[in-house]
């Protein structure tokens, strides 16, 4: 029994020695892990709250769009972009608000949300779509160089033809017929295997424009 007690005492002494050497580290790691867990749960709660609030604002924006209320739509989109830019709703709000502004004949206020979405929307396809629409507004305003700056190669392959087609329109408006022909040809080529009705229609339109400037050559 005494031997057992002696052995036990030795083990206790070893444990105490180990704890004195590593105890603070173990405690720090445990606390850090606990804080990380709490932080992660808090972050998820915050993101969920942000998404819920953004969704409610987007509903207001959709209602304003249905009513063709451009100021109200602009206000709702502004709040979404300002306070909830990290949610998917911000990019969608920018595009919808711009559409409402354009329908109201206000190209100036349509540019603002489109410019934001073209640069900062979370989804690459949304950024490309915003750039395309912004370039269209600039083209209509005869701001040709600005429009071309927006029409650099899209990151989403689904926009290649539409970018090239609009680029051809801008270049032709600038009197750059040869460059316009190249752009129209690129649009047609990218849609050679297209089967969807919308894509086929765009290919036919681009082909007609290509033919009008002298064909592929």
Protein backbone atom coordinates (compact mmCIF):
# COMPACT_ATOMS: atom_id res chain seq x y z
CA UNK A 1 0.00 0.00 0.00
CA UNK A 2 2.85 2.33 0.90
CA UNK A 3 4.49 1.49 -2.43
CA UNK A 4 1.26 2.30 -4.19
CA UNK A 5 0.98 5.59 -2.33
CA UNK A 6 4.56 6.41 -3.26
CA UNK A 7 3.91 5.63 -6.91
CA UNK A 8 0.73 7.67 -6.85
CA UNK A 9 2.55 10.59 -5.25
CA UNK A 10 5.17 10.40 -7.99
CA UNK A 11 2.52 10.46 -10.72
CA UNK A 12 0.82 13.41 -9.07
CA UNK A 13 4.14 15.22 -8.88
CA UNK A 14 4.74 14.54 -12.60
CA UNK A 15 1.28 15.79 -13.49
CA UNK A 16 1.77 18.91 -11.40
CA UNK A 17 5.11 19.51 -13.06
CA UNK A 18 3.63 19.07 -16.53
CA UNK A 19 0.74 21.38 -15.71
CA UNK A 20 3.09 24.03 -14.34
CA UNK A 21 4.99 23.88 -17.62
CA UNK A 22 2.12 23.58 -20.09
CA UNK A 23 -1.02 24.50 -18.15
CA UNK A 24 -1.18 28.09 -19.34
CA UNK A 25 -0.79 26.99 -22.95
CA UNK A 26 -3.56 24.39 -22.62
CA UNK A 27 -5.84 26.94 -20.98
CA UNK A 28 -5.10 29.49 -23.70
CA UNK A 29 -5.85 26.96 -26.44
CA UNK A 30 -9.10 25.91 -24.75
CA UNK A 31 -10.19 29.52 -24.30
CA UNK A 32 -9.26 30.36 -27.91
CA UNK A 33 -11.25 27.36 -29.17
CA UNK A 34 -14.26 28.40 -27.10
CA UNK A 35 -14.03 31.98 -28.32
CA UNK A 36 -13.68 30.80 -31.91
CA UNK A 37 -16.82 28.68 -31.54
CA UNK A 38 -18.75 31.56 -30.04
CA UNK A 39 -17.38 33.93 -32.69
CA UNK A 40 -18.40 31.59 -35.51
CA UNK A 41 -21.91 31.23 -34.11
CA UNK A 42 -22.10 35.00 -33.68
CA UNK A 43 -20.94 35.58 -37.24
CA UNK A 44 -23.52 33.16 -38.61
CA UNK A 45 -26.21 34.88 -36.58
CA UNK A 46 -25.09 38.28 -37.88
CA UNK A 47 -25.04 37.09 -41.51
CA UNK A 48 -28.49 35.58 -41.12
CA UNK A 49 -29.79 38.81 -39.63
CA UNK A 50 -28.23 40.82 -42.47
CA UNK A 51 -29.77 38.56 -45.11
CA UNK A 52 -33.21 38.73 -43.50
CA UNK A 53 -33.14 42.52 -43.29
CA UNK A 54 -31.81 42.80 -46.84
CA UNK A 55 -34.59 40.51 -48.07
CA UNK A 56 -37.22 42.75 -46.49
CA UNK A 57 -35.71 45.82 -48.15
CA UNK A 58 -35.56 44.04 -51.49
CA UNK A 59 -39.27 43.26 -51.15
CA UNK A 60 -39.86 47.00 -50.69
CA UNK A 61 -37.78 47.69 -53.78
CA UNK A 62 -39.75 45.19 -55.84
CA UNK A 63 -42.98 46.80 -54.70
CA UNK A 64 -41.66 50.23 -55.67
CA UNK A 65 -40.61 48.85 -59.06
CA UNK A 66 -44.07 47.43 -59.61
CA UNK A 67 -45.52 50.84 -58.81
CA UNK A 68 -42.94 52.50 -61.08
CA UNK A 69 -41.95 54.66 -58.14
CA UNK A 70 -38.40 55.63 -59.13
CA UNK A 71 -37.53 57.72 -56.02
CA UNK A 72 -38.72 55.01 -53.63
CA UNK A 73 -36.87 52.34 -55.59
CA UNK A 74 -33.73 54.45 -55.60
CA UNK A 75 -33.98 54.96 -51.83
CA UNK A 76 -34.45 51.26 -51.05
CA UNK A 77 -31.59 50.27 -53.33
CA UNK A 78 -29.37 52.92 -51.76
CA UNK A 79 -29.93 51.51 -48.27
CA UNK A 80 -29.31 47.96 -49.49
CA UNK A 81 -26.05 48.95 -51.17
CA UNK A 82 -24.92 51.08 -48.23
CA UNK A 83 -25.78 48.75 -45.34
CA UNK A 84 -26.06 45.29 -46.87
CA UNK A 85 -23.44 45.30 -49.62
CA UNK A 86 -22.21 41.88 -48.51
CA UNK A 87 -25.51 40.19 -49.38
CA UNK A 88 -26.61 38.94 -52.78
CA UNK A 89 -29.58 41.31 -52.59
CA UNK A 90 -27.34 44.37 -53.01
CA UNK A 91 -26.31 43.47 -56.56
CA UNK A 92 -29.85 42.51 -57.54
CA UNK A 93 -31.15 45.76 -56.02
CA UNK A 94 -28.66 47.82 -58.02
CA UNK A 95 -29.80 46.25 -61.29
CA UNK A 96 -33.50 46.55 -60.49
CA UNK A 97 -33.23 50.15 -59.33
CA UNK A 98 -31.29 51.08 -62.48
CA UNK A 99 -34.04 49.51 -64.60
CA UNK A 100 -36.70 51.56 -62.80
CA UNK A 101 -34.67 54.76 -63.22
CA UNK A 102 -34.21 54.12 -66.94
CA UNK A 103 -37.89 53.46 -67.41
CA UNK A 104 -38.49 56.82 -65.72
CA UNK A 105 -36.13 58.45 -68.22
CA UNK A 106 -33.45 59.11 -65.60
CA UNK A 107 -30.24 57.72 -67.11
CA UNK A 108 -28.06 59.70 -64.70
CA UNK A 109 -29.47 57.97 -61.62
CA UNK A 110 -29.42 54.64 -63.42
CA UNK A 111 -25.66 54.90 -63.86
CA UNK A 112 -24.91 55.10 -60.14
CA UNK A 113 -26.17 51.66 -59.02
CA UNK A 114 -24.92 50.06 -62.24
CA UNK A 115 -21.42 51.44 -61.67
CA UNK A 116 -21.47 50.06 -58.13
CA UNK A 117 -22.68 46.63 -59.23
CA UNK A 118 -20.21 46.51 -62.13
CA UNK A 119 -17.37 46.78 -59.65
CA UNK A 120 -18.59 45.40 -56.34
CA UNK A 121 -21.48 42.96 -56.82
CA UNK A 122 -20.61 39.65 -55.15
CA UNK A 123 -21.44 37.50 -58.17
CA UNK A 124 -19.25 37.63 -61.31
CA UNK A 125 -22.22 37.19 -63.65
CA UNK A 126 -24.01 40.09 -61.97
CA UNK A 127 -20.92 42.26 -62.38
CA UNK A 128 -20.80 41.40 -66.09
CA UNK A 129 -24.50 42.10 -66.54
CA UNK A 130 -24.11 45.44 -64.76
CA UNK A 131 -21.18 46.35 -67.01
CA UNK A 132 -23.20 45.45 -70.08
CA UNK A 133 -26.15 47.57 -68.99
CA UNK A 134 -23.92 50.44 -67.94
CA UNK A 135 -22.18 50.34 -71.31
CA UNK A 136 -25.59 50.41 -73.01
CA UNK A 137 -26.58 53.52 -71.05
CA UNK A 138 -23.27 55.17 -71.95
CA UNK A 139 -23.73 54.21 -75.60
CA UNK A 140 -27.17 55.81 -75.61
CA UNK A 141 -25.60 58.94 -74.08
CA UNK A 142 -22.96 58.87 -76.86
CA UNK A 143 -20.25 58.40 -74.23
CA UNK A 144 -18.50 55.95 -76.54
CA UNK A 145 -15.08 55.76 -74.90
CA UNK A 146 -16.67 55.17 -71.49
CA UNK A 147 -18.85 52.46 -72.98
CA UNK A 148 -15.86 50.70 -74.53
CA UNK A 149 -14.05 50.80 -71.20
CA UNK A 150 -16.89 48.74 -69.72
CA UNK A 151 -16.83 46.23 -72.55
CA UNK A 152 -13.57 44.48 -71.77
CA UNK A 153 -13.78 40.69 -71.93
CA UNK A 154 -16.46 39.39 -69.53
CA UNK A 155 -15.53 36.79 -66.94
CA UNK A 156 -18.69 34.80 -67.65
CA UNK A 157 -18.64 33.09 -71.06
CA UNK A 158 -22.38 33.52 -71.36
CA UNK A 159 -21.87 37.25 -71.96
CA UNK A 160 -19.17 37.05 -74.64
CA UNK A 161 -21.54 37.47 -77.60
CA UNK A 162 -23.54 40.29 -76.04
CA UNK A 163 -20.38 42.18 -75.10
CA UNK A 164 -18.97 41.76 -78.61
CA UNK A 165 -22.22 42.78 -80.30
CA UNK A 166 -22.54 45.98 -78.26
CA UNK A 167 -18.85 46.69 -78.77
CA UNK A 168 -19.46 46.49 -82.50
CA UNK A 169 -22.30 49.02 -82.19
CA UNK A 170 -20.10 51.44 -80.25
CA UNK A 171 -17.19 51.13 -82.65
CA UNK A 172 -19.45 51.60 -85.66
CA UNK A 173 -20.91 54.74 -84.05
CA UNK A 174 -17.33 56.00 -83.75
CA UNK A 175 -16.81 55.39 -87.45
CA UNK A 176 -14.42 52.45 -86.84
CA UNK A 177 -15.93 50.11 -89.38
CA UNK A 178 -13.11 47.56 -89.52
CA UNK A 179 -12.99 47.20 -85.74
CA UNK A 180 -16.78 46.96 -85.64
CA UNK A 181 -16.63 44.15 -88.21
CA UNK A 182 -14.17 42.26 -86.01
CA UNK A 183 -16.45 42.65 -82.99
CA UNK A 184 -19.56 41.49 -84.87
CA UNK A 185 -17.64 38.51 -86.22
CA UNK A 186 -16.59 37.58 -82.68
CA UNK A 187 -20.23 37.73 -81.60
CA UNK A 188 -21.35 35.47 -84.43
CA UNK A 189 -18.49 33.02 -83.91
CA UNK A 190 -19.19 32.67 -80.19
CA UNK A 191 -22.79 31.70 -81.00
CA UNK A 192 -22.13 29.22 -83.83
CA UNK A 193 -23.29 26.27 -81.74
CA UNK A 194 -26.08 28.09 -79.93
CA UNK A 195 -29.46 26.37 -79.83
CA UNK A 196 -31.48 28.45 -77.36
CA UNK A 197 -33.96 30.78 -79.01
CA UNK A 198 -32.56 33.95 -77.45
CA UNK A 199 -28.99 33.07 -78.45
CA UNK A 200 -30.04 32.14 -81.99
CA UNK A 201 -31.85 35.47 -82.33
CA UNK A 202 -28.77 37.36 -81.12
CA UNK A 203 -26.60 35.44 -83.61
CA UNK A 204 -28.94 36.38 -86.46
CA UNK A 205 -28.88 40.04 -85.42
CA UNK A 206 -25.08 40.05 -85.12
CA UNK A 207 -24.81 38.32 -88.51
CA UNK A 208 -27.06 40.96 -90.08
CA UNK A 209 -24.85 43.71 -88.65
CA UNK A 210 -21.74 41.87 -89.87
CA UNK A 211 -23.20 41.61 -93.37
CA UNK A 212 -24.07 45.32 -93.28
CA UNK A 213 -20.45 46.29 -92.67
CA UNK A 214 -19.07 44.07 -95.37
CA UNK A 215 -19.27 40.53 -94.03
CA UNK A 216 -16.56 38.43 -92.39
CA UNK A 217 -13.86 39.06 -95.04
